[in-house]
Structure formats: structure tokens, C-alpha cells
């Protein structure tokens, strides 16, 4: 999909960039928000909120409502895109482009 970047070699670096961007915008970076960002960075294609929730639940405890809340914030901030599909659940993908110097963890 043109304009979306979810396949990344350095997803931890991209997650760190997004976390920094969120903090620079004055938004709080709480543990659930950080988990949603990191999980979205690990995805190789657009995913549903439920798929993302299951991915996070394999490692951490998080509610489905926290996943939706944080995905909505990422969409509102222009970091992620909600993709509406006919007769299917919405999917989510990152809108940010990676930089070659990405490094670190969020």
C-alpha cells in the first residue's frame, strides 16, 4: 500500500521515533500507549485492532479498549491511518517513513 510503512528492519527504532514525537507534542506516553506503538511497528501489513490486541496480549496485559483508544490517538495525530474496508473491520497502518539512522527503543 502506497504511503504506509509497516515493514521495517528496525521496528524498535521506529517505535522510539514515534514515542519521541508523541512526547514532543505534549502527549503522555503511558505503558499501554507504548505497547500499542511497539506492536504496530512490528506488523508487516495493516492489521485490525483485535489482531494488534492479541499480539500485545501474548506478552503484556492490556484491554481491547486501551488498544482502540491509542489507535484512535495515533490516527488523530497523523501517525497511523485507519483503512476502511468494505464489509470488513477497519485496519490500521503506520503513516511515518523510517529513517536510515533509526535506533533505540521506546
N, C-alpha and C. Protein backbone atom coordinates (compact mmCIF):
# COMPACT_ATOMS: atom_id res chain seq x y z
N UNK A 1 0.83 -1.18 0.00
CA UNK A 1 0.00 0.00 0.00
C UNK A 1 0.87 1.24 0.00
N UNK A 2 0.68 2.08 -0.96
CA UNK A 2 1.46 3.29 -1.08
C UNK A 2 1.16 4.23 0.08
N UNK A 3 2.23 4.83 0.64
CA UNK A 3 2.05 5.78 1.72
C UNK A 3 2.05 5.18 3.12
N UNK A 4 2.17 3.87 3.21
CA UNK A 4 2.18 3.22 4.51
C UNK A 4 3.50 2.50 4.70
N UNK A 5 4.02 2.56 5.90
CA UNK A 5 5.27 1.89 6.19
C UNK A 5 5.08 1.02 7.42
N UNK A 6 4.87 -0.25 7.24
CA UNK A 6 4.79 -1.16 8.37
C UNK A 6 5.87 -2.23 8.29
N UNK A 7 6.50 -2.41 7.16
CA UNK A 7 7.58 -3.37 7.04
C UNK A 7 8.87 -2.61 7.29
N UNK A 8 9.46 -2.85 8.45
CA UNK A 8 10.67 -2.12 8.82
C UNK A 8 11.69 -3.09 9.35
N UNK A 9 12.97 -2.81 9.04
CA UNK A 9 14.05 -3.63 9.56
C UNK A 9 14.33 -3.31 11.02
N UNK A 10 14.06 -2.08 11.41
CA UNK A 10 14.38 -1.64 12.75
C UNK A 10 13.12 -1.11 13.43
N UNK A 11 12.20 -2.01 13.78
CA UNK A 11 10.94 -1.55 14.35
C UNK A 11 11.12 -0.88 15.71
N UNK A 12 12.16 -1.26 16.46
CA UNK A 12 12.41 -0.60 17.75
C UNK A 12 12.81 0.85 17.52
N UNK A 13 13.58 1.11 16.47
CA UNK A 13 13.99 2.48 16.15
C UNK A 13 12.80 3.32 15.72
N UNK A 14 11.93 2.75 14.94
CA UNK A 14 10.73 3.47 14.51
C UNK A 14 9.83 3.74 15.71
N UNK A 15 9.69 2.76 16.57
CA UNK A 15 8.87 2.95 17.78
C UNK A 15 9.45 4.07 18.63
N UNK A 16 10.77 4.14 18.74
CA UNK A 16 11.41 5.20 19.52
C UNK A 16 11.13 6.56 18.89
N UNK A 17 11.15 6.63 17.57
CA UNK A 17 10.84 7.90 16.89
C UNK A 17 9.41 8.33 17.17
N UNK A 18 8.49 7.39 17.11
CA UNK A 18 7.08 7.71 17.36
C UNK A 18 6.89 8.13 18.81
N UNK A 19 7.51 7.42 19.74
CA UNK A 19 7.41 7.79 21.16
C UNK A 19 7.94 9.21 21.39
N UNK A 20 9.06 9.52 20.77
CA UNK A 20 9.63 10.87 20.89
C UNK A 20 8.70 11.92 20.30
N UNK A 21 8.12 11.62 19.17
CA UNK A 21 7.19 12.54 18.51
C UNK A 21 5.97 12.80 19.39
N UNK A 22 5.44 11.76 19.99
CA UNK A 22 4.28 11.90 20.86
C UNK A 22 4.61 12.77 22.07
N UNK A 23 5.76 12.53 22.67
CA UNK A 23 6.16 13.33 23.82
C UNK A 23 6.42 14.79 23.41
N UNK A 24 7.00 15.00 22.23
CA UNK A 24 7.25 16.35 21.75
C UNK A 24 5.94 17.11 21.51
N UNK A 25 4.89 16.40 21.22
CA UNK A 25 3.57 17.02 21.03
C UNK A 25 2.84 17.23 22.35
N UNK A 26 3.50 16.89 23.45
CA UNK A 26 2.90 17.12 24.76
C UNK A 26 1.93 16.04 25.21
N UNK A 27 1.94 14.91 24.54
CA UNK A 27 1.06 13.81 24.91
C UNK A 27 1.78 12.87 25.86
N UNK A 28 1.02 12.30 26.76
CA UNK A 28 1.57 11.38 27.76
C UNK A 28 1.90 10.03 27.11
N UNK A 29 3.04 9.48 27.47
CA UNK A 29 3.45 8.18 26.95
C UNK A 29 3.33 7.14 28.07
N UNK A 30 2.12 6.60 28.23
CA UNK A 30 1.87 5.61 29.28
C UNK A 30 2.20 4.20 28.76
N UNK A 31 2.30 3.21 29.64
CA UNK A 31 2.66 1.86 29.20
C UNK A 31 1.74 1.27 28.12
N UNK A 32 0.41 1.39 28.22
CA UNK A 32 -0.42 0.84 27.14
C UNK A 32 -0.16 1.52 25.79
N UNK A 33 0.03 2.82 25.81
CA UNK A 33 0.30 3.56 24.58
C UNK A 33 1.61 3.07 23.95
N UNK A 34 2.61 2.90 24.79
CA UNK A 34 3.91 2.41 24.33
C UNK A 34 3.78 1.01 23.72
N UNK A 35 3.00 0.15 24.36
CA UNK A 35 2.81 -1.21 23.84
C UNK A 35 2.11 -1.21 22.48
N UNK A 36 1.09 -0.35 22.33
CA UNK A 36 0.38 -0.27 21.05
C UNK A 36 1.32 0.22 19.96
N UNK A 37 2.12 1.23 20.27
CA UNK A 37 3.08 1.76 19.29
C UNK A 37 4.07 0.67 18.88
N UNK A 38 4.66 0.01 19.85
CA UNK A 38 5.65 -1.03 19.55
C UNK A 38 5.03 -2.19 18.77
N UNK A 39 3.82 -2.58 19.14
CA UNK A 39 3.16 -3.69 18.43
C UNK A 39 2.81 -3.29 17.00
N UNK A 40 2.36 -2.06 16.79
CA UNK A 40 2.04 -1.60 15.44
C UNK A 40 3.30 -1.55 14.58
N UNK A 41 4.41 -1.19 15.18
CA UNK A 41 5.68 -1.16 14.45
C UNK A 41 6.15 -2.55 14.04
N UNK A 42 5.75 -3.57 14.78
CA UNK A 42 6.14 -4.95 14.45
C UNK A 42 5.32 -5.55 13.31
N UNK A 43 4.20 -4.94 12.98
CA UNK A 43 3.31 -5.52 11.97
C UNK A 43 3.89 -5.33 10.57
N UNK A 44 3.69 -6.32 9.73
CA UNK A 44 4.21 -6.26 8.37
C UNK A 44 3.16 -5.85 7.35
N UNK A 45 1.92 -5.68 7.82
CA UNK A 45 0.84 -5.23 6.95
C UNK A 45 -0.24 -4.62 7.84
N UNK A 46 -1.16 -3.87 7.26
CA UNK A 46 -2.24 -3.29 8.07
C UNK A 46 -2.98 -4.38 8.85
N UNK A 47 -3.34 -4.06 10.10
CA UNK A 47 -3.98 -5.04 10.99
C UNK A 47 -5.22 -4.44 11.64
N UNK A 48 -6.09 -5.32 12.11
CA UNK A 48 -7.25 -4.86 12.88
C UNK A 48 -6.81 -4.59 14.32
N UNK A 49 -7.63 -3.85 15.03
CA UNK A 49 -7.35 -3.59 16.44
C UNK A 49 -7.31 -4.90 17.23
N UNK A 50 -8.19 -5.83 16.87
CA UNK A 50 -8.24 -7.11 17.57
C UNK A 50 -6.95 -7.92 17.36
N UNK A 51 -6.44 -7.91 16.15
CA UNK A 51 -5.18 -8.61 15.86
C UNK A 51 -4.05 -7.99 16.65
N UNK A 52 -4.01 -6.68 16.70
CA UNK A 52 -2.98 -5.98 17.46
C UNK A 52 -3.11 -6.30 18.95
N UNK A 53 -4.34 -6.32 19.45
CA UNK A 53 -4.59 -6.64 20.85
C UNK A 53 -4.07 -8.05 21.17
N UNK A 54 -4.36 -9.01 20.31
CA UNK A 54 -3.89 -10.38 20.53
C UNK A 54 -2.37 -10.45 20.52
N UNK A 55 -1.73 -9.68 19.65
CA UNK A 55 -0.27 -9.64 19.59
C UNK A 55 0.30 -9.12 20.91
N UNK A 56 -0.30 -8.05 21.43
CA UNK A 56 0.17 -7.47 22.69
C UNK A 56 -0.11 -8.42 23.85
N UNK A 57 -1.29 -9.03 23.86
CA UNK A 57 -1.68 -9.92 24.96
C UNK A 57 -0.77 -11.14 25.09
N UNK A 58 -0.08 -11.48 24.03
CA UNK A 58 0.86 -12.60 24.10
C UNK A 58 2.02 -12.27 25.04
N UNK A 59 2.26 -10.97 25.28
CA UNK A 59 3.39 -10.56 26.12
C UNK A 59 2.99 -9.71 27.33
N UNK A 60 1.96 -8.91 27.18
CA UNK A 60 1.57 -7.96 28.22
C UNK A 60 0.06 -8.00 28.44
N UNK A 61 -0.36 -7.48 29.56
CA UNK A 61 -1.79 -7.38 29.85
C UNK A 61 -2.27 -6.00 29.41
N UNK A 62 -3.31 -5.98 28.57
CA UNK A 62 -3.86 -4.73 28.06
C UNK A 62 -5.32 -4.98 27.67
N UNK A 63 -6.16 -3.98 27.84
CA UNK A 63 -7.56 -4.14 27.45
C UNK A 63 -7.74 -3.78 25.98
N UNK A 64 -8.76 -4.33 25.37
CA UNK A 64 -9.06 -4.01 23.98
C UNK A 64 -9.43 -2.54 23.85
N UNK A 65 -10.07 -1.97 24.88
CA UNK A 65 -10.43 -0.55 24.82
C UNK A 65 -9.17 0.33 24.83
N UNK A 66 -8.13 -0.08 25.54
CA UNK A 66 -6.87 0.67 25.53
C UNK A 66 -6.24 0.64 24.14
N UNK A 67 -6.35 -0.50 23.46
CA UNK A 67 -5.82 -0.60 22.09
C UNK A 67 -6.58 0.36 21.18
N UNK A 68 -7.91 0.33 21.23
CA UNK A 68 -8.71 1.24 20.40
C UNK A 68 -8.43 2.71 20.73
N UNK A 69 -8.36 3.03 22.01
CA UNK A 69 -8.10 4.42 22.42
C UNK A 69 -6.78 4.91 21.85
N UNK A 70 -5.76 4.09 21.95
CA UNK A 70 -4.44 4.50 21.48
C UNK A 70 -4.32 4.49 19.97
N UNK A 71 -4.99 3.57 19.30
CA UNK A 71 -5.01 3.61 17.84
C UNK A 71 -5.71 4.87 17.36
N UNK A 72 -6.82 5.23 18.01
CA UNK A 72 -7.53 6.46 17.63
C UNK A 72 -6.65 7.69 17.82
N UNK A 73 -5.87 7.72 18.90
CA UNK A 73 -4.95 8.83 19.13
C UNK A 73 -3.89 8.88 18.03
N UNK A 74 -3.34 7.73 17.66
CA UNK A 74 -2.33 7.69 16.60
C UNK A 74 -2.90 8.16 15.27
N UNK A 75 -4.13 7.80 14.99
CA UNK A 75 -4.80 8.27 13.76
C UNK A 75 -5.02 9.78 13.84
N UNK A 76 -5.53 10.25 14.96
CA UNK A 76 -5.80 11.68 15.15
C UNK A 76 -4.52 12.51 15.00
N UNK A 77 -3.40 11.98 15.47
CA UNK A 77 -2.12 12.68 15.40
C UNK A 77 -1.43 12.52 14.04
N UNK A 78 -2.02 11.74 13.14
CA UNK A 78 -1.44 11.57 11.81
C UNK A 78 -0.30 10.57 11.75
N UNK A 79 -0.13 9.79 12.80
CA UNK A 79 0.95 8.81 12.86
C UNK A 79 0.52 7.49 12.24
N UNK A 80 -0.74 7.16 12.39
CA UNK A 80 -1.30 5.94 11.80
C UNK A 80 -2.49 6.31 10.93
N UNK A 81 -2.89 5.38 10.11
CA UNK A 81 -4.02 5.56 9.19
C UNK A 81 -5.02 4.46 9.44
N UNK A 82 -6.29 4.83 9.53
CA UNK A 82 -7.37 3.85 9.61
C UNK A 82 -7.79 3.54 8.18
N UNK A 83 -7.80 2.28 7.84
CA UNK A 83 -8.15 1.85 6.48
C UNK A 83 -9.51 1.17 6.55
N UNK A 84 -10.48 1.79 5.93
CA UNK A 84 -11.83 1.23 5.90
C UNK A 84 -11.93 0.25 4.74
N UNK A 85 -12.39 -0.95 5.03
CA UNK A 85 -12.55 -1.97 4.00
C UNK A 85 -14.01 -2.36 3.93
N UNK A 86 -14.55 -2.49 2.71
CA UNK A 86 -15.97 -2.88 2.58
C UNK A 86 -16.26 -4.20 3.28
N UNK A 87 -17.32 -4.22 4.06
CA UNK A 87 -17.79 -5.42 4.76
C UNK A 87 -16.69 -6.09 5.59
N UNK A 88 -15.80 -5.28 6.13
CA UNK A 88 -14.74 -5.81 6.99
C UNK A 88 -14.41 -4.79 8.07
N UNK A 89 -13.71 -5.23 9.09
CA UNK A 89 -13.29 -4.34 10.16
C UNK A 89 -12.21 -3.40 9.64
N UNK A 90 -12.12 -2.24 10.27
CA UNK A 90 -11.07 -1.28 9.92
C UNK A 90 -9.71 -1.90 10.23
N UNK A 91 -8.75 -1.55 9.41
CA UNK A 91 -7.37 -1.95 9.61
C UNK A 91 -6.55 -0.70 9.89
N UNK A 92 -5.39 -0.88 10.51
CA UNK A 92 -4.54 0.23 10.88
C UNK A 92 -3.13 -0.01 10.37
N UNK A 93 -2.48 1.08 9.94
CA UNK A 93 -1.10 1.01 9.45
C UNK A 93 -0.41 2.32 9.81
N UNK A 94 0.90 2.26 9.92
CA UNK A 94 1.68 3.47 10.18
C UNK A 94 1.74 4.34 8.95
N UNK A 95 1.83 5.65 9.17
CA UNK A 95 1.99 6.60 8.07
C UNK A 95 3.41 7.13 8.02
N UNK A 96 4.20 6.94 9.06
CA UNK A 96 5.54 7.51 9.13
C UNK A 96 6.51 6.75 8.25
N UNK A 97 7.45 7.47 7.71
CA UNK A 97 8.53 6.86 6.95
C UNK A 97 9.70 6.63 7.90
N UNK A 98 10.43 5.55 7.69
CA UNK A 98 11.58 5.27 8.53
C UNK A 98 12.78 6.07 8.03
N UNK A 99 13.70 6.35 8.94
CA UNK A 99 14.94 6.99 8.53
C UNK A 99 16.06 5.98 8.69
N UNK A 100 17.12 6.09 7.88
CA UNK A 100 18.19 5.11 7.95
C UNK A 100 18.93 5.12 9.28
N UNK A 101 18.82 6.20 10.05
CA UNK A 101 19.54 6.30 11.32
C UNK A 101 18.68 5.94 12.52
N UNK A 102 17.56 5.26 12.30
CA UNK A 102 16.69 4.88 13.41
C UNK A 102 17.41 3.94 14.35
N UNK A 103 17.28 4.21 15.64
CA UNK A 103 17.86 3.28 16.62
C UNK A 103 17.22 3.53 17.97
N UNK A 104 17.41 2.60 18.87
CA UNK A 104 16.89 2.76 20.21
C UNK A 104 15.54 2.10 20.40
N UNK A 105 15.04 2.21 21.62
CA UNK A 105 13.74 1.62 21.95
C UNK A 105 12.88 2.68 22.59
N UNK A 106 11.58 2.51 22.45
CA UNK A 106 10.69 3.46 23.12
C UNK A 106 10.43 3.00 24.53
